Amino acid sequence: MIKILVINTEQSGVDMYRLTPHKYLNSEEFEVHFTPVLDNPPADLHKQLSEYDIVVFSRMLSKDSQKDWTKDLIKHLEKADVKVVLDYDDNWQLPKYHSLYKDYEKKGYRLRQVNAAKFADALTVSTPYLADKLKSYNKDITVVKNCVDYHEVQWMKYKTTSNKLRVAFIGAKDHVKDMQMIADELCKIGQLEDVELYYGGWAPGKENNEIASIMSCAGASNLFDVIPALTVNCYGQMYNHVDVCIAPLYKDEFTQCKSELKALEAGFMRCALIASNQVPFTYVCHEGNSTLCDGANGWYEAVKKYRDNRDLVVTHAQKLNKDVLEKYDILNEAKKREKLYKRLCGKQEQ
């Protein structure tokens, strides 16, 4: 029996997609425990950790905003003689345009992630592109794809209907740059008859309000509204009230290190998708199951095409759903973790 300790705060989508799925490891071979944090470690932490074979972290060892406990935790982990796995779902270096850039650098989160990657026995990542970027810090990397957890209630499908085409961007506040890229297209979309435009995930705040302003063309759109942000355990229900999702990404090293989550969620919930024609979306999206746009171009025409051909909305939604279900199964991805963890512990696959 391999004992695993997962440091999982369960407060973000990253935790939900990258750490919580450890519960699907084979219970006959793995005993998995979760704890929220190891920062400010007690003097005997190494004794507690020595009860485990593997400790899994997300991105960095220490997440304390006031003090970096990385060196202290490394001492305890080494003394406990456990294997350490770091999981990454995103670029460790934020671009200067990111709203969290200054705070991120001030608190040393970038360097914490680099140091953690170098120290770890192995890394797990969400995409091949991200794996390639992390190879300079650690050679032992396993790609474990993100998957919608179809056992969770929030992903139950009870699609509502509308005479209008409901188009939505469902995402966090950090997509201002992406929405600015297609601002002119959004203004044109907002003038289309029989189209409703929604921003799913709005909450009070500067960045969220800026996204809402861009999407509504500063209030000039025919019909725009926001869907207030829901918790990480509920937001999937937004997709039940949407026909087409848009997922623009401004192309740079940062965005190409992201995962194809928005395509997976839209596909799983049987929404058609209009996305940027780049990694990570091209891992699953193609002309047979979605519409891909280059840069700032084509978004208006894509929405207009779906508005004029509602059968195509259904066809693309069904095909994307099929591809997501076939290629992104949470139990299959759990087996990749199992294989890695067995190897780290010197146990051969049966």
Protein backbone atom coordinates (compact mmCIF):
# COMPACT_ATOMS: atom_id res chain seq x y z
CA MET A 1 0.00 0.00 0.00
CA ILE A 2 1.42 3.39 -1.06
CA LYS A 3 0.48 6.22 1.29
CA ILE A 4 0.06 9.65 -0.29
CA LEU A 5 -0.43 13.04 1.34
CA VAL A 6 -1.96 15.69 -0.94
CA ILE A 7 -1.66 19.33 0.08
CA ASN A 8 -5.00 20.57 -1.15
CA THR A 9 -6.73 23.73 0.07
CA GLU A 10 -9.80 23.00 -2.13
CA GLN A 11 -10.32 26.73 -2.66
CA SER A 12 -9.74 27.07 -6.40
CA GLY A 13 -10.44 25.50 -9.74
CA VAL A 14 -6.79 24.44 -9.88
CA ASP A 15 -7.22 22.42 -6.68
CA MET A 16 -10.45 20.89 -7.98
CA TYR A 17 -8.98 19.79 -11.31
CA ARG A 18 -5.41 18.93 -10.29
CA LEU A 19 -5.46 17.65 -6.71
CA THR A 20 -8.94 16.45 -5.76
CA PRO A 21 -8.85 13.69 -8.47
CA HIS A 22 -6.36 11.82 -6.28
CA LYS A 23 -9.47 10.37 -4.66
CA TYR A 24 -9.84 8.20 -7.78
CA LEU A 25 -6.57 6.32 -7.25
CA ASN A 26 -7.08 2.58 -6.76
CA SER A 27 -7.97 2.22 -3.06
CA GLU A 28 -6.54 -1.29 -2.99
CA GLU A 29 -3.09 0.04 -3.81
CA PHE A 30 -3.12 3.66 -2.60
CA GLU A 31 -4.13 5.29 0.65
CA VAL A 32 -4.70 9.00 0.02
CA HIS A 33 -4.96 11.72 2.66
CA PHE A 34 -5.64 15.42 2.14
CA THR A 35 -4.51 18.35 4.25
CA PRO A 36 -4.84 22.07 3.41
CA VAL A 37 -1.38 23.43 4.22
CA LEU A 38 2.09 22.68 5.65
CA ASP A 39 3.25 26.28 6.13
CA ASN A 40 4.61 27.34 9.53
CA PRO A 41 5.62 23.72 10.21
CA PRO A 42 5.87 22.32 13.74
CA ALA A 43 9.27 21.00 14.86
CA ASP A 44 8.17 17.40 14.45
CA LEU A 45 6.62 17.74 10.98
CA HIS A 46 9.23 15.39 9.52
CA LYS A 47 8.05 12.66 11.87
CA GLN A 48 4.47 13.10 10.69
CA LEU A 49 5.53 13.14 7.04
CA SER A 50 7.61 9.98 7.45
CA GLU A 51 4.34 8.03 7.68
CA TYR A 52 3.84 8.69 3.96
CA ASP A 53 5.58 7.53 0.81
CA ILE A 54 4.72 10.53 -1.37
CA VAL A 55 3.72 14.15 -0.69
CA VAL A 56 2.00 16.05 -3.51
CA PHE A 57 1.97 19.85 -3.78
CA SER A 58 0.46 22.27 -6.28
CA ARG A 59 2.96 24.68 -7.87
CA MET A 60 4.99 25.50 -4.76
CA LEU A 61 5.81 24.10 -1.33
CA SER A 62 4.92 27.25 0.61
CA LYS A 63 1.92 29.44 -0.22
CA ASP A 64 2.03 31.68 2.86
CA SER A 65 1.60 35.26 1.67
CA GLN A 66 3.58 36.67 4.59
CA LYS A 67 6.59 34.33 4.72
CA ASP A 68 8.26 31.81 2.44
CA TRP A 69 8.60 28.52 4.31
CA THR A 70 10.14 26.66 1.38
CA LYS A 71 13.57 26.06 2.97
CA ASP A 72 11.98 24.86 6.22
CA LEU A 73 9.68 22.48 4.38
CA ILE A 74 12.52 21.10 2.27
CA LYS A 75 14.43 20.22 5.44
CA HIS A 76 11.42 18.38 6.85
CA LEU A 77 10.73 16.58 3.57
CA GLU A 78 14.35 15.46 3.24
CA LYS A 79 14.47 14.31 6.84
CA ALA A 80 11.21 12.39 6.38
CA ASP A 81 12.73 10.65 3.33
CA VAL A 82 9.55 10.93 1.25
CA LYS A 83 9.12 11.40 -2.47
CA VAL A 84 7.88 14.83 -3.50
CA VAL A 85 5.67 15.51 -6.52
CA LEU A 86 4.82 19.03 -7.72
CA ASP A 87 1.81 19.60 -9.95
CA TYR A 88 1.62 22.50 -12.40
CA ASP A 89 -1.39 23.71 -14.38
CA ASP A 90 -0.10 27.07 -15.56
CA ASN A 91 2.96 29.14 -16.32
CA TRP A 92 4.98 29.94 -13.19
CA GLN A 93 5.87 33.38 -14.55
CA LEU A 94 3.06 35.93 -14.88
CA PRO A 95 3.25 38.51 -17.69
CA LYS A 96 3.48 42.14 -16.66
CA TYR A 97 -0.03 42.83 -17.92
CA HIS A 98 -1.49 40.33 -15.43
CA SER A 99 -3.38 41.96 -12.56
CA LEU A 100 -1.48 39.89 -9.99
CA TYR A 101 2.01 40.42 -11.47
CA LYS A 102 3.35 42.96 -8.95
CA ASP A 103 2.02 41.10 -5.92
CA TYR A 104 3.23 37.79 -7.34
CA GLU A 105 6.78 39.08 -7.76
CA LYS A 106 6.82 40.91 -4.43
CA LYS A 107 5.92 37.75 -2.52
CA GLY A 108 8.34 35.64 -4.52
CA TYR A 109 5.77 33.18 -5.86
CA ARG A 110 7.62 32.81 -9.17
CA LEU A 111 10.87 31.80 -7.48
CA ARG A 112 9.01 29.56 -5.03
CA GLN A 113 7.63 27.58 -7.97
CA VAL A 114 11.02 27.33 -9.68
CA ASN A 115 12.71 26.14 -6.48
CA ALA A 116 9.95 23.62 -5.86
CA ALA A 117 10.23 22.22 -9.40
CA LYS A 118 13.99 21.77 -8.99
CA PHE A 119 13.62 20.05 -5.62
CA ALA A 120 10.79 17.68 -6.57
CA ASP A 121 11.38 14.05 -7.45
CA ALA A 122 8.86 14.41 -10.28
CA LEU A 123 6.38 16.83 -11.80
CA THR A 124 2.87 16.34 -13.14
CA VAL A 125 1.49 18.88 -15.60
CA SER A 126 -1.71 19.41 -17.58
CA THR A 127 -0.37 19.76 -21.15
CA PRO A 128 2.60 18.73 -23.33
CA TYR A 129 3.42 22.40 -23.97
CA LEU A 130 3.77 23.12 -20.26
CA ALA A 131 5.84 19.95 -19.82
CA ASP A 132 8.29 21.16 -22.45
CA LYS A 133 8.67 24.52 -20.72
CA LEU A 134 9.42 22.92 -17.34
CA LYS A 135 12.05 20.47 -18.59
CA SER A 136 14.88 22.88 -17.74
CA TYR A 137 13.97 22.54 -14.06
CA ASN A 138 13.06 18.86 -13.85
CA LYS A 139 13.37 16.01 -16.37
CA ASP A 140 10.85 13.66 -14.75
CA ILE A 141 7.53 15.03 -16.01
CA THR A 142 4.23 13.23 -16.55
CA VAL A 143 1.32 14.82 -18.42
CA VAL A 144 -1.95 14.22 -16.59
CA LYS A 145 -4.78 15.91 -18.46
CA ASN A 146 -7.48 17.93 -16.76
CA CYS A 147 -10.88 16.23 -16.82
CA VAL A 148 -14.38 17.22 -15.83
CA ASP A 149 -15.40 15.13 -12.84
CA TYR A 150 -18.64 13.65 -14.10
CA HIS A 151 -19.45 12.37 -10.61
CA GLU A 152 -19.88 15.93 -9.31
CA VAL A 153 -23.42 17.34 -9.08
CA GLN A 154 -22.49 20.67 -10.65
CA TRP A 155 -21.91 18.98 -14.00
CA MET A 156 -25.41 17.53 -14.23
CA LYS A 157 -27.04 18.59 -17.49
CA TYR A 158 -30.55 20.04 -17.61
CA LYS A 159 -30.21 22.45 -20.54
CA THR A 160 -32.68 25.29 -20.70
CA THR A 161 -33.86 26.60 -24.06
CA SER A 162 -34.29 30.01 -25.66
CA ASN A 163 -35.48 31.43 -28.96
CA LYS A 164 -32.34 33.56 -28.99
CA LEU A 165 -28.77 32.31 -29.33
CA ARG A 166 -27.18 32.60 -25.88
CA VAL A 167 -23.45 33.35 -26.18
CA ALA A 168 -21.29 33.50 -23.07
CA PHE A 169 -17.78 33.99 -21.84
CA ILE A 170 -17.45 32.02 -18.62
CA GLY A 171 -14.20 32.78 -16.85
CA ALA A 172 -12.22 34.64 -14.22
CA LYS A 173 -11.21 38.28 -13.93
CA ASP A 174 -7.72 37.64 -15.31
CA HIS A 175 -8.94 37.54 -18.92
CA VAL A 176 -9.04 41.30 -19.51
CA LYS A 177 -6.23 41.12 -22.10
CA ASP A 178 -8.04 38.33 -23.95
CA MET A 179 -11.31 40.24 -24.08
CA GLN A 180 -9.59 43.46 -25.15
CA MET A 181 -8.23 41.56 -28.14
CA ILE A 182 -11.75 40.90 -29.48
CA ALA A 183 -13.40 44.11 -28.21
CA ASP A 184 -14.35 45.35 -31.69
CA GLU A 185 -15.81 41.96 -32.58
CA LEU A 186 -17.87 41.93 -29.37
CA CYS A 187 -19.36 45.32 -30.25
CA LYS A 188 -20.48 43.90 -33.61
CA ILE A 189 -21.83 40.76 -31.94
CA GLY A 190 -23.81 42.93 -29.55
CA GLN A 191 -25.73 44.42 -32.46
CA LEU A 192 -26.90 41.07 -33.84
CA GLU A 193 -30.60 40.36 -33.57
CA ASP A 194 -31.66 37.22 -31.74
CA VAL A 195 -28.36 37.00 -29.83
CA GLU A 196 -27.95 37.35 -26.08
CA LEU A 197 -24.45 37.99 -24.72
CA TYR A 198 -23.45 36.99 -21.19
CA TYR A 199 -20.42 37.26 -18.93
CA GLY A 200 -20.52 34.29 -16.57
CA GLY A 201 -18.42 34.73 -13.46
CA TRP A 202 -18.85 38.42 -12.77
CA ALA A 203 -18.15 39.73 -9.26
CA PRO A 204 -17.56 43.26 -7.96
CA GLY A 205 -14.10 44.48 -8.88
CA LYS A 206 -12.09 46.50 -11.38
CA GLU A 207 -11.11 43.68 -13.75
CA ASN A 208 -14.56 42.06 -13.77
CA ASN A 209 -16.20 45.39 -14.49
CA GLU A 210 -13.73 46.02 -17.32
CA ILE A 211 -14.60 42.67 -18.91
CA ALA A 212 -18.31 43.47 -18.57
CA SER A 213 -17.77 46.86 -20.17
CA ILE A 214 -15.86 45.34 -23.09
CA MET A 215 -18.48 42.66 -23.65
CA SER A 216 -21.35 45.13 -23.54
CA CYS A 217 -19.54 47.58 -25.84
CA ALA A 218 -19.73 50.10 -23.00
CA GLY A 219 -23.47 49.49 -22.69
CA ALA A 220 -24.28 49.80 -26.39
CA SER A 221 -25.08 46.12 -27.01
CA ASN A 222 -28.66 45.10 -27.72
CA LEU A 223 -28.79 42.56 -24.93
CA PHE A 224 -25.99 41.92 -22.46
CA ASP A 225 -26.10 40.67 -18.91
CA VAL A 226 -23.84 39.15 -16.29
CA ILE A 227 -24.16 35.85 -14.47
CA PRO A 228 -22.77 36.38 -10.96
CA ALA A 229 -19.79 34.26 -9.97
CA LEU A 230 -20.53 30.97 -8.24
CA THR A 231 -18.30 28.89 -6.00
CA VAL A 232 -15.82 26.41 -7.43
CA ASN A 233 -18.28 23.63 -6.61
CA CYS A 234 -21.25 25.22 -8.40
CA TYR A 235 -20.14 27.29 -11.38
CA GLY A 236 -20.57 24.42 -13.86
CA GLN A 237 -24.32 25.00 -13.75
CA MET A 238 -23.87 28.22 -15.75
CA TYR A 239 -23.33 26.15 -18.88
CA ASN A 240 -26.90 24.83 -18.69
CA HIS A 241 -28.13 28.28 -19.70
CA VAL A 242 -25.71 28.81 -22.60
CA ASP A 243 -25.76 27.69 -26.25
CA VAL A 244 -22.33 28.91 -27.39
CA CYS A 245 -19.20 29.65 -25.34
CA ILE A 246 -16.42 31.97 -26.46
CA ALA A 247 -12.85 31.42 -25.28
CA PRO A 248 -10.39 33.99 -26.62
CA LEU A 249 -6.71 33.85 -25.66
CA TYR A 250 -4.15 36.54 -26.39
CA LYS A 251 -1.24 34.52 -27.79
CA ASP A 252 1.98 34.52 -25.78
CA GLU A 253 4.05 32.09 -23.70
CA PHE A 254 1.78 32.57 -20.69
CA THR A 255 -1.50 31.69 -22.38
CA GLN A 256 -0.02 28.77 -24.33
CA CYS A 257 0.91 27.17 -21.00
CA LYS A 258 -2.75 27.13 -19.99
CA SER A 259 -4.89 24.03 -20.28
CA GLU A 260 -7.91 23.45 -22.51
CA LEU A 261 -10.33 23.62 -19.58
CA LYS A 262 -12.85 25.95 -21.19
CA ALA A 263 -13.16 23.59 -24.14
CA LEU A 264 -13.59 20.61 -21.84
CA GLU A 265 -16.27 22.28 -19.76
CA ALA A 266 -18.18 23.59 -22.77
CA GLY A 267 -17.98 20.24 -24.51
CA PHE A 268 -18.97 18.23 -21.48
CA MET A 269 -22.00 20.48 -20.98
CA ARG A 270 -22.94 20.27 -24.68
CA CYS A 271 -22.25 23.86 -25.64
CA ALA A 272 -20.82 24.85 -29.01
CA LEU A 273 -17.46 26.59 -28.74
CA ILE A 274 -15.70 29.48 -30.45
CA ALA A 275 -12.06 29.54 -29.34
CA SER A 276 -8.65 30.90 -30.27
CA ASN A 277 -6.82 28.82 -32.85
CA GLN A 278 -3.84 27.93 -30.69
CA VAL A 279 -2.56 25.64 -27.99
CA PRO A 280 -4.16 24.64 -25.64
CA PHE A 281 -7.52 24.58 -27.46
CA THR A 282 -6.15 22.75 -30.51
CA TYR A 283 -5.49 19.71 -28.31
CA VAL A 284 -9.21 18.94 -28.57
CA CYS A 285 -10.81 21.51 -30.89
CA HIS A 286 -10.90 21.22 -34.69
CA GLU A 287 -13.15 22.38 -37.52
CA GLY A 288 -15.40 19.35 -37.08
CA ASN A 289 -16.40 20.09 -33.47
CA SER A 290 -15.98 23.83 -32.95
CA THR A 291 -15.01 27.14 -34.56
CA LEU A 292 -11.43 28.38 -34.23
CA CYS A 293 -10.49 32.03 -34.72
CA ASP A 294 -7.09 33.54 -35.49
CA GLY A 295 -6.23 36.41 -33.16
CA ALA A 296 -8.89 39.11 -33.12
CA ASN A 297 -10.50 37.98 -36.36
CA GLY A 298 -13.58 35.88 -37.08
CA TRP A 299 -15.49 36.03 -33.79
CA TYR A 300 -18.42 38.04 -35.18
CA GLU A 301 -18.72 35.80 -38.23
CA ALA A 302 -18.60 32.70 -36.02
CA VAL A 303 -21.46 33.90 -33.82
CA LYS A 304 -23.45 34.99 -36.88
CA LYS A 305 -22.89 31.55 -38.44
CA TYR A 306 -24.26 29.81 -35.35
CA ARG A 307 -27.18 32.23 -35.09
CA ASP A 308 -28.17 31.52 -38.68
CA ASN A 309 -27.70 27.76 -38.37
CA ARG A 310 -28.92 26.48 -35.03
CA ASP A 311 -28.56 22.88 -36.25
CA LEU A 312 -24.81 23.50 -36.50
CA VAL A 313 -24.80 24.60 -32.86
CA VAL A 314 -26.26 21.23 -31.89
CA THR A 315 -23.94 19.30 -34.21
CA HIS A 316 -20.76 20.95 -32.94
CA ALA A 317 -21.89 20.67 -29.32
CA GLN A 318 -22.54 16.94 -29.74
CA LYS A 319 -19.24 16.29 -31.52
CA LEU A 320 -17.22 18.25 -28.98
CA ASN A 321 -19.02 16.40 -26.20
CA LYS A 322 -18.09 13.07 -27.81
CA ASP A 323 -14.42 14.04 -28.20
CA VAL A 324 -14.19 15.28 -24.61
CA LEU A 325 -15.77 12.13 -23.19
CA GLU A 326 -13.48 9.88 -25.25
CA LYS A 327 -10.19 11.69 -24.67
CA TYR A 328 -10.56 13.17 -21.18
CA ASP A 329 -11.64 10.51 -18.74
CA ILE A 330 -10.81 11.20 -15.10
CA LEU A 331 -10.36 7.51 -14.25
CA ASN A 332 -7.93 6.96 -17.13
CA GLU A 333 -5.88 9.98 -16.07
CA ALA A 334 -5.80 8.61 -12.52
CA LYS A 335 -3.99 5.57 -13.89
CA LYS A 336 -1.19 7.82 -15.14
CA ARG A 337 -0.68 9.08 -11.61
CA GLU A 338 -0.75 5.53 -10.30
CA LYS A 339 1.97 4.47 -12.73
CA LEU A 340 4.19 7.42 -11.77
CA TYR A 341 3.73 6.93 -8.04
CA LYS A 342 4.49 3.21 -8.27
CA ARG A 343 7.69 3.96 -10.16
CA LEU A 344 8.77 6.55 -7.61
CA CYS A 345 8.25 4.02 -4.86
CA GLY A 346 10.11 1.29 -6.72
CA LYS A 347 7.05 -0.84 -7.34
CA GLN A 348 6.59 -2.43 -10.75
CA GLU A 349 3.32 -2.35 -12.67
CA GLN A 350 1.46 -5.66 -12.42
